[in-house]
Every structure is written in structure tokens, then in C-alpha cells.
N, C-alpha and C. Protein backbone atom coordinates (compact mmCIF):
# COMPACT_ATOMS: atom_id res chain seq x y z
N MET A 1 122.77 148.67 -49.25
CA MET A 1 122.80 147.94 -50.61
C MET A 1 121.33 148.67 -51.18
N ASP A 2 121.64 149.47 -52.13
CA ASP A 2 120.53 150.35 -52.67
C ASP A 2 119.97 149.36 -54.07
N ILE A 3 118.54 149.15 -53.81
CA ILE A 3 118.14 148.34 -54.83
C ILE A 3 117.09 149.29 -55.60
N LYS A 4 117.32 149.13 -57.13
CA LYS A 4 116.35 149.92 -57.91
C LYS A 4 115.53 148.95 -58.92
N VAL A 5 114.69 149.36 -59.54
CA VAL A 5 113.91 148.54 -60.49
C VAL A 5 114.42 149.05 -61.98
N ASN A 6 115.15 147.93 -62.77
CA ASN A 6 115.79 148.23 -63.93
C ASN A 6 114.43 148.18 -64.93
N ILE A 7 114.23 149.37 -65.35
CA ILE A 7 113.15 149.52 -66.40
C ILE A 7 113.26 148.78 -67.73
N HIS A 8 114.63 148.81 -68.18
CA HIS A 8 114.96 148.02 -69.51
C HIS A 8 114.76 146.52 -69.32
N GLY A 9 115.15 146.12 -68.19
CA GLY A 9 114.80 144.55 -67.93
C GLY A 9 113.38 144.29 -67.70
N LEU A 10 112.77 145.34 -67.22
CA LEU A 10 111.31 144.93 -67.30
C LEU A 10 110.58 144.82 -68.52
N ILE A 11 111.14 145.78 -69.48
CA ILE A 11 110.74 146.01 -70.85
C ILE A 11 110.89 144.63 -71.52
N ALA A 12 112.18 144.40 -71.53
CA ALA A 12 112.58 142.94 -72.13
C ALA A 12 111.79 142.02 -71.52
N MET A 13 111.38 141.65 -70.33
CA MET A 13 110.61 140.61 -69.91
C MET A 13 109.38 140.62 -70.51
N VAL A 14 108.63 141.84 -70.59
CA VAL A 14 107.42 142.01 -71.18
C VAL A 14 107.32 141.63 -72.60
N LEU A 15 108.22 142.12 -73.43
CA LEU A 15 108.41 142.02 -74.75
C LEU A 15 108.81 140.58 -75.08
N ILE A 16 109.49 139.90 -74.35
CA ILE A 16 109.81 138.44 -74.40
C ILE A 16 108.47 137.47 -74.26
N ALA A 17 107.70 137.90 -73.27
CA ALA A 17 106.58 137.25 -73.16
C ALA A 17 105.49 137.49 -74.02
N VAL A 18 105.43 138.62 -74.60
CA VAL A 18 104.60 138.96 -75.87
C VAL A 18 104.97 137.84 -77.01
N MET A 19 106.14 137.91 -77.27
CA MET A 19 106.65 137.33 -78.48
C MET A 19 106.38 135.51 -78.25
N VAL A 20 106.67 135.33 -77.01
CA VAL A 20 106.51 133.68 -76.88
C VAL A 20 104.85 133.51 -77.01
N ILE A 21 103.92 134.46 -76.48
CA ILE A 21 102.51 134.07 -76.35
C ILE A 21 102.14 134.24 -77.77
N MET A 22 102.45 135.21 -78.61
CA MET A 22 102.28 135.17 -80.03
C MET A 22 102.68 134.21 -80.86
N ALA A 23 103.92 133.70 -80.58
CA ALA A 23 104.43 132.29 -81.10
C ALA A 23 103.43 131.20 -80.81
N LEU A 24 103.14 131.02 -79.64
CA LEU A 24 102.10 130.05 -79.29
C LEU A 24 100.77 130.18 -79.87
N ILE A 25 100.23 131.41 -79.91
CA ILE A 25 99.01 131.41 -80.54
C ILE A 25 98.92 131.15 -82.07
N ASN A 26 100.07 131.66 -82.80
CA ASN A 26 100.29 131.12 -84.16
C ASN A 26 101.35 129.97 -84.41
N ARG A 27 101.11 128.91 -83.86
CA ARG A 27 101.72 128.08 -83.64
C ARG A 27 102.18 127.36 -84.99
N GLU A 28 100.88 127.21 -85.85
CA GLU A 28 101.29 126.44 -87.18
C GLU A 28 102.05 127.42 -88.21
N THR A 29 102.13 128.96 -87.99
CA THR A 29 102.82 129.47 -88.96
C THR A 29 104.15 130.18 -88.38
N THR A 30 104.27 130.04 -87.25
CA THR A 30 105.54 130.69 -86.72
C THR A 30 106.65 129.90 -86.75
N PRO A 31 107.86 130.31 -87.19
CA PRO A 31 108.98 129.39 -87.33
C PRO A 31 109.66 129.65 -85.91
N ILE A 32 110.06 128.23 -85.25
CA ILE A 32 110.56 128.38 -84.01
C ILE A 32 112.07 128.81 -83.87
N LEU A 33 112.67 128.73 -84.94
CA LEU A 33 114.14 129.26 -84.98
C LEU A 33 113.91 130.75 -85.06
N TYR A 34 113.07 131.29 -85.75
CA TYR A 34 112.89 132.79 -85.66
C TYR A 34 112.53 133.18 -84.24
N VAL A 35 111.86 132.88 -83.52
CA VAL A 35 111.72 133.04 -82.09
C VAL A 35 112.84 132.77 -81.22
N VAL A 36 113.45 131.51 -81.27
CA VAL A 36 114.62 131.45 -80.41
C VAL A 36 115.83 132.42 -80.83
N VAL A 37 116.18 132.56 -81.94
CA VAL A 37 117.13 133.29 -82.23
C VAL A 37 116.93 134.90 -82.01
N ALA A 38 115.67 135.19 -82.16
CA ALA A 38 115.38 136.72 -81.73
C ALA A 38 115.49 136.71 -80.34
N VAL A 39 114.94 135.71 -79.33
CA VAL A 39 115.05 136.01 -77.96
C VAL A 39 116.39 135.83 -77.39
N ILE A 40 117.24 135.01 -78.00
CA ILE A 40 118.60 134.98 -77.48
C ILE A 40 119.30 136.12 -77.76
N LEU A 41 119.17 136.67 -79.02
CA LEU A 41 120.13 137.78 -79.44
C LEU A 41 119.49 139.16 -78.55
N TYR A 42 118.25 139.13 -78.35
CA TYR A 42 117.67 140.32 -77.50
C TYR A 42 118.07 140.35 -76.11
N LEU A 43 117.97 139.24 -75.51
CA LEU A 43 118.26 139.07 -74.18
C LEU A 43 119.58 139.23 -73.94
N GLY A 44 120.52 138.64 -74.74
CA GLY A 44 121.96 138.69 -74.45
C GLY A 44 122.34 140.09 -74.71
N THR A 45 121.81 141.12 -75.40
CA THR A 45 122.23 142.39 -75.72
C THR A 45 121.76 143.27 -74.33
N VAL A 46 120.48 142.93 -74.05
CA VAL A 46 119.95 143.81 -72.81
C VAL A 46 120.72 143.33 -71.56
N VAL A 47 121.02 142.12 -71.41
CA VAL A 47 121.64 141.75 -70.22
C VAL A 47 123.07 142.33 -70.19
N LEU A 48 123.90 142.30 -71.44
CA LEU A 48 124.98 142.76 -71.48
C LEU A 48 125.34 144.23 -71.26
N ILE A 49 124.50 144.89 -72.01
CA ILE A 49 124.52 146.53 -71.89
C ILE A 49 124.05 146.74 -70.50
N ASN A 50 123.05 146.22 -69.69
CA ASN A 50 122.74 146.48 -68.30
C ASN A 50 123.84 146.07 -67.48
N ASN A 51 124.50 145.26 -67.45
CA ASN A 51 125.56 144.67 -66.81
C ASN A 51 126.68 145.60 -66.86
N MET A 52 126.88 146.02 -68.29
CA MET A 52 128.06 147.10 -68.44
C MET A 52 127.85 148.40 -67.67
N ARG A 53 126.38 148.78 -67.73
CA ARG A 53 126.13 150.16 -67.10
C ARG A 53 126.08 149.93 -65.49
N GLU A 54 125.70 148.98 -65.13
CA GLU A 54 125.75 148.61 -63.65
C GLU A 54 127.14 148.56 -63.13
N THR A 55 128.03 147.94 -63.79
CA THR A 55 129.51 147.65 -63.40
C THR A 55 130.13 149.35 -63.24
N GLN A 56 129.70 149.98 -64.24
CA GLN A 56 130.40 151.34 -64.51
C GLN A 56 130.00 152.10 -63.58
N ALA A 57 128.48 152.21 -63.32
CA ALA A 57 128.03 152.99 -62.00
C ALA A 57 128.68 152.67 -60.97
N GLU A 58 128.87 151.37 -60.44
CA GLU A 58 129.55 151.16 -59.23
C GLU A 58 131.18 151.21 -59.00
N ASP A 59 131.70 151.57 -60.13
CA ASP A 59 133.28 151.85 -59.94
C ASP A 59 133.38 153.29 -59.94
N LYS A 60 133.60 153.85 -58.76
CA LYS A 60 133.75 155.16 -58.69
C LYS A 60 135.13 155.63 -59.04
N ARG A 61 136.12 154.85 -59.25
CA ARG A 61 137.57 155.08 -59.70
C ARG A 61 137.61 155.53 -61.17
N ARG A 62 136.52 155.25 -61.75
CA ARG A 62 136.61 155.46 -63.38
C ARG A 62 135.49 156.47 -63.75
N ILE A 63 135.85 157.27 -64.68
CA ILE A 63 134.80 158.24 -64.99
C ILE A 63 134.55 157.68 -66.49
N VAL A 64 133.25 157.43 -66.55
CA VAL A 64 132.61 157.13 -68.09
C VAL A 64 132.18 158.22 -68.80
N ALA A 65 132.95 158.16 -70.15
CA ALA A 65 132.68 159.10 -70.79
C ALA A 65 131.20 159.48 -71.15
N GLN A 66 130.68 160.37 -71.49
CA GLN A 66 129.25 160.70 -72.06
C GLN A 66 129.06 160.03 -73.19
N ALA A 67 130.10 159.94 -74.12
CA ALA A 67 129.98 159.30 -75.46
C ALA A 67 129.43 157.76 -75.37
N ARG A 68 130.16 157.12 -74.23
CA ARG A 68 130.15 155.51 -73.94
C ARG A 68 128.46 155.36 -73.29
N GLN A 69 128.00 156.46 -72.63
CA GLN A 69 126.76 156.20 -71.76
C GLN A 69 125.79 156.39 -72.92
N LEU A 70 125.83 157.39 -73.77
CA LEU A 70 125.06 157.63 -75.11
C LEU A 70 124.93 156.42 -75.92
N LEU A 71 126.07 155.87 -76.05
CA LEU A 71 126.14 154.73 -77.04
C LEU A 71 125.46 153.42 -76.27
N GLN A 72 125.64 153.19 -75.01
CA GLN A 72 124.83 152.16 -74.37
C GLN A 72 123.19 152.39 -74.32
N ILE A 73 122.86 153.79 -74.09
CA ILE A 73 121.46 153.83 -74.20
C ILE A 73 120.84 153.80 -75.61
N ARG A 74 121.44 154.12 -76.57
CA ARG A 74 121.23 153.96 -77.94
C ARG A 74 121.05 152.46 -78.23
N VAL A 75 122.05 151.42 -77.91
CA VAL A 75 121.82 150.41 -78.07
C VAL A 75 120.75 149.72 -77.33
N LEU A 76 120.46 150.02 -76.15
CA LEU A 76 119.37 149.42 -75.36
C LEU A 76 117.82 149.96 -76.30
N TYR A 77 117.95 151.24 -76.47
CA TYR A 77 116.59 151.64 -77.23
C TYR A 77 116.54 150.86 -78.69
N GLY A 78 117.72 150.66 -79.26
CA GLY A 78 117.61 150.03 -80.50
C GLY A 78 117.18 148.45 -80.32
N SER A 79 117.65 147.91 -79.37
CA SER A 79 117.26 146.51 -78.98
C SER A 79 115.78 146.50 -78.92
N HIS A 80 115.29 147.46 -78.17
CA HIS A 80 113.79 147.10 -77.79
C HIS A 80 112.93 147.52 -79.12
N ILE A 81 113.50 148.31 -79.95
CA ILE A 81 112.69 148.74 -81.18
C ILE A 81 112.76 147.54 -82.15
N ALA A 82 114.05 147.02 -82.21
CA ALA A 82 114.42 145.86 -83.28
C ALA A 82 113.36 144.53 -82.77
N PHE A 83 113.36 144.40 -81.49
CA PHE A 83 112.62 143.19 -80.78
C PHE A 83 111.19 143.50 -81.28
N PHE A 84 110.62 144.59 -80.91
CA PHE A 84 109.31 145.10 -81.39
C PHE A 84 109.05 144.61 -82.69
N LEU A 85 109.84 145.18 -83.60
CA LEU A 85 109.72 144.75 -84.93
C LEU A 85 109.64 143.47 -85.43
N LEU A 86 110.38 142.62 -84.74
CA LEU A 86 110.54 141.22 -84.82
C LEU A 86 109.16 140.61 -84.30
N ILE A 87 108.70 140.96 -83.27
CA ILE A 87 107.19 140.67 -82.80
C ILE A 87 106.31 140.90 -83.88
N PHE A 88 106.32 141.98 -84.56
CA PHE A 88 105.43 142.53 -85.69
C PHE A 88 105.59 141.38 -86.68
N GLY A 89 106.62 141.03 -86.87
CA GLY A 89 107.13 139.97 -87.90
C GLY A 89 106.32 138.76 -88.07
N LEU A 90 105.93 138.27 -86.86
CA LEU A 90 105.29 137.00 -86.50
C LEU A 90 103.93 137.16 -87.16
N PHE A 91 103.34 138.32 -87.42
CA PHE A 91 102.26 138.23 -88.02
C PHE A 91 102.07 138.25 -89.60
N LEU A 92 103.41 138.38 -90.05
CA LEU A 92 103.48 138.52 -91.61
C LEU A 92 103.68 136.85 -92.06
N SER A 93 102.66 136.78 -93.24
CA SER A 93 102.94 135.49 -93.63
C SER A 93 103.99 135.66 -94.85
N LEU A 94 105.14 135.12 -94.70
CA LEU A 94 106.31 135.29 -95.60
C LEU A 94 106.87 133.75 -95.82
N ASP A 95 107.45 133.88 -96.87
CA ASP A 95 108.14 132.62 -97.34
C ASP A 95 109.60 132.58 -96.56
N LEU A 96 110.24 131.46 -96.56
CA LEU A 96 111.60 131.39 -95.73
C LEU A 96 112.69 132.57 -96.20
N LEU A 97 112.72 132.88 -97.27
CA LEU A 97 113.85 133.66 -97.82
C LEU A 97 113.42 135.21 -97.25
N MET A 98 111.98 135.56 -97.55
CA MET A 98 111.58 136.86 -97.05
C MET A 98 111.51 136.86 -95.42
N GLN A 99 111.35 135.95 -94.65
CA GLN A 99 111.45 135.88 -93.30
C GLN A 99 112.78 136.35 -92.97
N ILE A 100 113.94 135.69 -93.60
CA ILE A 100 115.22 135.83 -93.01
C ILE A 100 115.49 137.55 -93.49
N VAL A 101 115.25 137.71 -94.77
CA VAL A 101 115.30 139.19 -95.11
C VAL A 101 114.70 140.11 -94.04
N TYR A 102 113.43 139.92 -93.53
CA TYR A 102 112.66 140.93 -92.70
C TYR A 102 113.28 140.61 -91.31
N PHE A 103 113.76 139.58 -90.98
CA PHE A 103 114.63 139.42 -89.63
C PHE A 103 115.80 140.33 -89.55
N VAL A 104 116.65 140.24 -90.71
CA VAL A 104 117.91 141.01 -90.55
C VAL A 104 117.50 142.48 -90.87
N GLY A 105 116.41 142.76 -91.64
CA GLY A 105 116.20 144.04 -91.97
C GLY A 105 115.58 144.85 -90.64
N ALA A 106 114.83 144.29 -89.89
CA ALA A 106 114.17 144.53 -88.63
C ALA A 106 115.27 144.96 -87.55
N ILE A 107 116.27 144.06 -87.63
CA ILE A 107 117.21 144.33 -86.57
C ILE A 107 118.09 145.64 -86.93
N VAL A 108 118.41 145.65 -88.22
CA VAL A 108 119.21 146.99 -88.67
C VAL A 108 118.24 147.90 -88.60
N PHE A 109 117.15 148.17 -88.95
CA PHE A 109 116.33 149.30 -88.87
C PHE A 109 116.23 149.59 -87.33
N GLY A 110 115.91 148.63 -86.85
CA GLY A 110 115.61 149.06 -85.17
C GLY A 110 116.83 149.63 -84.54
N MET A 111 117.67 149.13 -84.69
CA MET A 111 119.09 149.53 -84.19
C MET A 111 119.32 150.94 -84.76
N LEU A 112 119.05 151.19 -85.90
CA LEU A 112 119.41 152.57 -86.48
C LEU A 112 118.60 153.59 -85.94
N ILE A 113 117.43 153.55 -85.95
CA ILE A 113 116.49 154.50 -85.16
C ILE A 113 117.24 155.23 -84.07
N PRO A 114 117.55 154.57 -83.04
CA PRO A 114 118.18 155.62 -82.04
C PRO A 114 119.31 156.33 -82.39
N PHE A 115 120.22 155.75 -83.13
CA PHE A 115 121.31 156.51 -83.52
C PHE A 115 121.00 157.75 -84.43
N VAL A 116 119.96 157.69 -84.87
CA VAL A 116 119.27 158.92 -85.94
C VAL A 116 118.58 160.02 -84.84
N VAL A 117 117.74 159.36 -83.88
CA VAL A 117 116.83 160.23 -83.28
C VAL A 117 117.42 160.50 -81.78
N VAL A 118 118.33 159.72 -81.18
CA VAL A 118 118.53 160.19 -79.65
C VAL A 118 119.88 160.87 -79.84
N THR A 119 119.88 162.07 -79.38
CA THR A 119 121.19 162.94 -79.51
C THR A 119 121.45 163.41 -77.90
N ARG A 120 122.88 163.64 -77.72
CA ARG A 120 123.21 164.31 -76.33
C ARG A 120 122.65 165.48 -76.12
N ALA A 121 122.14 165.83 -74.95
CA ALA A 121 121.51 167.24 -74.50
C ALA A 121 122.78 168.09 -74.62
N GLN A 122 122.37 169.35 -75.00
CA GLN A 122 123.50 170.32 -74.92
C GLN A 122 123.67 170.83 -73.39
N VAL A 123 124.96 170.87 -73.02
CA VAL A 123 124.84 171.31 -71.79
C VAL A 123 125.61 172.74 -71.62
N LYS A 124 124.83 173.70 -70.83
CA LYS A 124 125.26 175.01 -70.82
C LYS A 124 126.12 174.99 -69.61
N GLN A 125 127.42 175.76 -69.79
CA GLN A 125 128.24 175.86 -68.70
C GLN A 125 128.54 177.37 -68.16
């Protein structure tokens, strides 16, 4: 059995810890629902994508298309960026409607960045 450290899992644990600590520090201004929904969505996405990548890596019978691997890495990067933006949103003093708008906007913008920036490397044959 070969054991490797999952860097995306480590990043997720650190970012979740930072969000929880920031929420505890700003207890009177932080909406608990914002933190709970953000952590559940982020954790679910990271666990699901990492599980898919692990399963595909172990299955030697199936060749995984490069497009699927690229999509998975883009979703992981986008999740990290979106969650970082949501952490930043804890410091903004917004009313309820603007918090909802920021929450959705941060997720959309964070998930969009890797699809614009990360491309497949050109392979010379």
C-alpha cells in the first residue's frame, strides 16, 4: 500500500480552520449560516473530487481522459479560491441581502478563475 499526502486535503483543512477561527473572533458580526453553508459546500466538493481522482487512479482498466482530469483540477482550484473569497467576506460588514449576493458572487467568481486561467499543456509528439 502506497500512502501519499493529499495536498488539496491539507489546503482544505487549513482554510476551514482559518474560517472557523475568523468566525469565532468576529462572533458578533459573523452569520453562523454563512460559515456552515460555506464549509459544507467546500468540504463536500473537495472530498467528492478527491475521491473521484483516487478511484480513477486505482482503476487500471479505465483510461481517464485528459479533459476529465483537467476539469477535476479546475474544480479543486476553483473551490480553494472561492472558499478563500468567502473567508475574506467574513471581514466585510454587509447587510443580509448583500451577504447573500457576495456569497453567490464569490463562489461563481472563484470557480470561474481556473476555467479562464488553467489550460492543458501542449504535448509535443
